[in-house]
Amino acid sequence: MRRTKLLALLCIIISIIFLAAGCGDSAASRLYKDGTYEGVSNKGIQPGLKVAVTIRDDMITEIKVVENKETQGIGTNAIDQLPGKITEAQSTEVDSVAGASLSSNAIKEAVTLALEQAKK
């Protein structure tokens, strides 16, 4: 009888431990801190392409190119398209915009640098 009670108590304790582990705070497993971070790249046609990357709940929620000197109609195509692609993919591992390779590379590098700042 005593052995059965001890076994039951042990099972209850183990169940509570597993339940508590499953309900733990997922913030500890997050990669990024919430906030807006800036990154600057000199890989474009002109140096100084700057982005602002907003992180919320460990996700990229917005990317804005806040400064650039890229060529209108060429580099600006990458500026118009790439931030949305990166946000959707949650990664800079996206295809560059055709005809705007340098501008695409600059945006990807600037976003990567901003994400480095956001890491915990």
Protein backbone atom coordinates (compact mmCIF):
# COMPACT_ATOMS: atom_id res chain seq x y z
CA MET A 1 0.00 0.00 0.00
CA ARG A 2 2.73 2.40 0.98
CA ARG A 3 4.68 1.58 -2.18
CA THR A 4 1.61 2.33 -4.36
CA LYS A 5 1.15 5.74 -2.72
CA LEU A 6 4.82 6.55 -3.24
CA LEU A 7 4.62 5.56 -6.91
CA ALA A 8 1.47 7.65 -7.39
CA LEU A 9 3.12 10.64 -5.73
CA LEU A 10 6.19 10.25 -7.95
CA CYS A 11 3.98 10.16 -11.06
CA ILE A 12 2.19 13.33 -9.96
CA ILE A 13 5.50 15.14 -9.36
CA ILE A 14 6.83 14.12 -12.77
CA SER A 15 3.58 15.26 -14.42
CA ILE A 16 3.80 18.65 -12.71
CA ILE A 17 7.41 19.07 -13.88
CA PHE A 18 6.46 18.34 -17.49
CA LEU A 19 3.44 20.62 -17.29
CA ALA A 20 5.54 23.47 -15.90
CA ALA A 21 8.18 22.99 -18.60
CA GLY A 22 5.52 23.16 -21.31
CA CYS A 23 4.06 26.37 -19.90
CA GLY A 24 7.43 28.10 -19.54
CA ASP A 25 8.15 31.54 -20.94
CA SER A 26 9.05 31.31 -24.61
CA ALA A 27 10.87 34.67 -24.37
CA ALA A 28 13.99 32.80 -23.35
CA SER A 29 14.00 30.99 -26.70
CA ARG A 30 13.63 34.17 -28.75
CA LEU A 31 16.44 35.17 -31.05
CA TYR A 32 15.73 38.91 -31.29
CA LYS A 33 14.79 41.71 -28.91
CA ASP A 34 11.77 43.84 -29.84
CA GLY A 35 12.61 47.24 -31.25
CA THR A 36 13.79 49.07 -34.36
CA TYR A 37 17.38 48.65 -35.43
CA GLU A 38 19.41 50.35 -38.14
CA GLY A 39 21.98 48.91 -40.49
CA VAL A 40 24.13 50.68 -43.09
CA SER A 41 25.77 49.16 -46.17
CA ASN A 42 28.26 50.55 -48.65
CA LYS A 43 27.71 47.76 -51.20
CA GLY A 44 25.23 49.70 -53.35
CA ILE A 45 25.95 51.96 -56.31
CA GLN A 46 26.63 54.69 -53.77
CA PRO A 47 27.70 54.17 -50.14
CA GLY A 48 25.43 54.77 -47.19
CA LEU A 49 22.26 52.76 -47.86
CA LYS A 50 20.52 52.71 -44.47
CA VAL A 51 17.63 50.53 -43.35
CA ALA A 52 15.46 50.46 -40.25
CA VAL A 53 14.30 46.97 -39.28
CA THR A 54 11.47 46.57 -36.78
CA ILE A 55 11.30 43.39 -34.70
CA ARG A 56 8.24 42.37 -32.73
CA ASP A 57 7.67 39.02 -31.03
CA ASP A 58 10.85 37.62 -32.63
CA MET A 59 9.68 38.45 -36.14
CA ILE A 60 10.67 41.04 -38.73
CA THR A 61 7.54 43.18 -39.00
CA GLU A 62 8.83 46.05 -41.13
CA ILE A 63 11.86 47.09 -43.14
CA LYS A 64 12.27 50.65 -44.37
CA VAL A 65 15.09 52.00 -46.49
CA VAL A 66 15.58 55.34 -44.76
CA GLU A 67 18.59 56.65 -46.72
CA ASN A 68 19.91 55.83 -50.16
CA LYS A 69 21.58 57.30 -53.22
CA GLU A 70 20.66 54.48 -55.58
CA THR A 71 19.82 55.05 -59.24
CA GLN A 72 16.17 55.93 -59.91
CA GLY A 73 14.39 53.19 -61.85
CA ILE A 74 17.14 50.64 -61.24
CA GLY A 75 18.34 50.54 -57.64
CA THR A 76 15.05 51.97 -56.48
CA ASN A 77 13.33 48.84 -57.87
CA ALA A 78 15.21 46.81 -55.26
CA ILE A 79 14.25 49.35 -52.60
CA ASP A 80 10.60 48.98 -53.57
CA GLN A 81 10.57 45.17 -53.72
CA LEU A 82 13.19 43.63 -51.46
CA PRO A 83 12.06 44.80 -48.00
CA GLY A 84 8.70 43.09 -48.51
CA LYS A 85 10.32 39.90 -49.75
CA ILE A 86 12.66 39.78 -46.76
CA THR A 87 9.81 40.44 -44.34
CA GLU A 88 7.70 37.72 -45.93
CA ALA A 89 10.54 35.19 -45.90
CA GLN A 90 11.78 36.31 -42.45
CA SER A 91 15.24 36.01 -43.98
CA THR A 92 17.68 37.84 -46.20
CA GLU A 93 18.06 34.63 -48.20
CA VAL A 94 15.80 35.87 -51.00
CA ASP A 95 16.44 36.44 -54.70
CA SER A 96 17.95 39.76 -55.69
CA VAL A 97 15.96 42.08 -57.91
CA ALA A 98 16.96 41.60 -61.56
CA GLY A 99 19.07 44.46 -62.83
CA ALA A 100 19.66 45.81 -59.32
CA SER A 101 22.17 43.34 -57.90
CA LEU A 102 24.33 45.91 -56.13
CA SER A 103 21.36 47.63 -54.53
CA SER A 104 19.89 44.25 -53.55
CA ASN A 105 23.16 43.21 -51.93
CA ALA A 106 23.32 46.51 -50.05
CA ILE A 107 19.80 46.07 -48.69
CA LYS A 108 20.50 42.48 -47.62
CA GLU A 109 23.74 43.48 -45.90
CA ALA A 110 22.15 46.44 -44.12
CA VAL A 111 19.27 44.25 -42.89
CA THR A 112 21.74 41.61 -41.70
CA LEU A 113 23.69 44.24 -39.76
CA ALA A 114 20.49 45.54 -38.18
CA LEU A 115 19.48 42.00 -37.18
CA GLU A 116 22.90 41.48 -35.57
CA GLN A 117 22.11 44.40 -33.26
CA ALA A 118 18.72 42.90 -32.40
CA LYS A 119 20.14 39.56 -31.29
CA LYS A 120 19.91 38.82 -27.59
